[in-house]
Amino acid sequence: MKTTTAHLAWNPDTEARRCRPGRALGWLALLAFLAMLSAAQAEVRFGRNVRVGGHDFSNQSFDRKRRAVIHLYDRTPSNAGCVWRSDGRGGRVKTCHLRRIK
């Protein structure tokens, strides 16, 4: 009796259709990470008539290198106003101490 091993040979068509569950989950996790990473690098751009605590912040944009930290107080702060400072990582931070306008 003659035996053949043709059915045991590697076939690229059947190999491409077969996807291991672990590999699919890995790709899904990678895609989710890339989507989260792209969303984290967004830029915030304020348009016309934007007010924060009653103060005008119109037509300003902030991103990873240009950030803003805004502190709002009910009373007049001792160091009122906005100042640009270096953040120590190559970027700039606009620090504002403002009184809330009612």
Protein backbone atom coordinates (compact mmCIF):
# COMPACT_ATOMS: atom_id res chain seq x y z
CA MET A 1 0.00 0.00 0.00
CA LYS A 2 1.35 3.38 -1.04
CA THR A 3 1.02 6.28 1.41
CA THR A 4 1.13 9.91 0.41
CA THR A 5 1.98 12.91 2.55
CA ALA A 6 0.56 15.60 0.27
CA HIS A 7 -2.17 16.48 2.74
CA LEU A 8 0.47 17.11 5.45
CA ALA A 9 2.40 19.64 3.40
CA TRP A 10 2.31 23.31 4.37
CA ASN A 11 -0.34 25.21 2.45
CA PRO A 12 -0.19 29.05 2.54
CA ASP A 13 -3.91 29.38 1.79
CA THR A 14 -5.01 27.49 4.88
CA GLU A 15 -2.32 29.17 6.98
CA ALA A 16 -3.57 32.68 6.10
CA ARG A 17 -7.14 31.84 7.08
CA ARG A 18 -6.15 30.51 10.46
CA CYS A 19 -5.70 33.28 13.04
CA ARG A 20 -4.74 32.51 16.59
CA PRO A 21 -6.87 34.33 19.21
CA GLY A 22 -3.81 35.63 21.07
CA ARG A 23 -2.47 37.33 17.98
CA ALA A 24 -5.82 38.98 17.24
CA LEU A 25 -6.01 40.34 20.79
CA GLY A 26 -2.47 41.68 20.44
CA TRP A 27 -3.39 43.58 17.29
CA LEU A 28 -6.53 44.90 18.93
CA ALA A 29 -4.55 46.12 21.94
CA LEU A 30 -2.01 47.80 19.64
CA LEU A 31 -4.74 49.60 17.69
CA ALA A 32 -6.41 50.77 20.92
CA PHE A 33 -3.07 52.08 22.21
CA LEU A 34 -2.39 53.98 18.98
CA ALA A 35 -5.87 55.52 19.06
CA MET A 36 -5.36 56.63 22.65
CA LEU A 37 -1.91 58.03 21.85
CA SER A 38 -3.19 60.09 18.93
CA ALA A 39 -6.00 61.51 21.06
CA ALA A 40 -3.55 62.51 23.79
CA GLN A 41 -1.53 64.67 21.43
CA ALA A 42 -4.39 66.96 20.54
CA GLU A 43 -4.29 70.73 20.36
CA VAL A 44 -6.85 72.91 22.09
CA ARG A 45 -7.76 76.02 20.13
CA PHE A 46 -10.13 78.56 21.61
CA GLY A 47 -12.31 80.46 19.15
CA ARG A 48 -14.18 83.71 19.50
CA ASN A 49 -15.80 84.88 22.73
CA VAL A 50 -14.26 82.25 25.02
CA ARG A 51 -14.35 83.20 28.69
CA VAL A 52 -12.82 81.35 31.64
CA GLY A 53 -14.12 82.63 34.95
CA GLY A 54 -15.30 85.76 33.17
CA HIS A 55 -11.87 86.55 31.66
CA ASP A 56 -11.30 86.61 27.89
CA PHE A 57 -9.25 83.68 26.50
CA SER A 58 -10.30 84.08 22.85
CA ASN A 59 -8.09 83.02 19.91
CA GLN A 60 -5.45 81.19 21.95
CA SER A 61 -4.13 77.71 21.24
CA PHE A 62 -2.44 75.30 23.60
CA ASP A 63 -0.73 71.98 22.93
CA ARG A 64 1.97 69.78 24.44
CA LYS A 65 4.67 72.44 24.25
CA ARG A 66 2.44 75.42 25.10
CA ARG A 67 0.28 74.69 28.11
CA ALA A 68 -1.97 76.76 30.36
CA VAL A 69 -2.67 76.50 34.07
CA ILE A 70 -5.54 78.71 35.19
CA HIS A 71 -6.30 79.24 38.88
CA LEU A 72 -9.63 80.89 39.71
CA TYR A 73 -10.20 82.56 43.08
CA ASP A 74 -13.29 84.02 44.75
CA ARG A 75 -11.18 86.81 46.24
CA THR A 76 -8.35 88.82 44.69
CA PRO A 77 -5.18 86.65 44.61
CA SER A 78 -1.90 88.08 45.87
CA ASN A 79 -0.17 87.49 42.53
CA ALA A 80 -2.98 88.37 40.09
CA GLY A 81 -2.44 88.12 36.35
CA CYS A 82 -0.89 85.80 33.75
CA VAL A 83 2.80 84.95 33.33
CA TRP A 84 4.62 82.75 30.77
CA ARG A 85 7.15 80.42 32.40
CA SER A 86 9.36 77.55 31.31
CA ASP A 87 8.18 74.10 32.38
CA GLY A 88 11.69 72.57 32.48
CA ARG A 89 10.98 70.14 29.60
CA GLY A 90 11.43 72.51 26.67
CA GLY A 91 7.90 73.87 26.77
CA ARG A 92 6.17 76.95 28.11
CA VAL A 93 3.36 77.28 30.62
CA LYS A 94 0.96 80.20 30.87
CA THR A 95 0.14 80.45 34.57
CA CYS A 96 -2.86 82.64 35.40
CA HIS A 97 -4.13 83.64 38.85
CA LEU A 98 -7.48 85.28 38.26
CA ARG A 99 -10.42 86.44 40.31
CA ARG A 100 -13.70 84.94 39.22
CA ILE A 101 -15.98 87.57 37.66
CA LYS A 102 -19.63 87.04 38.57
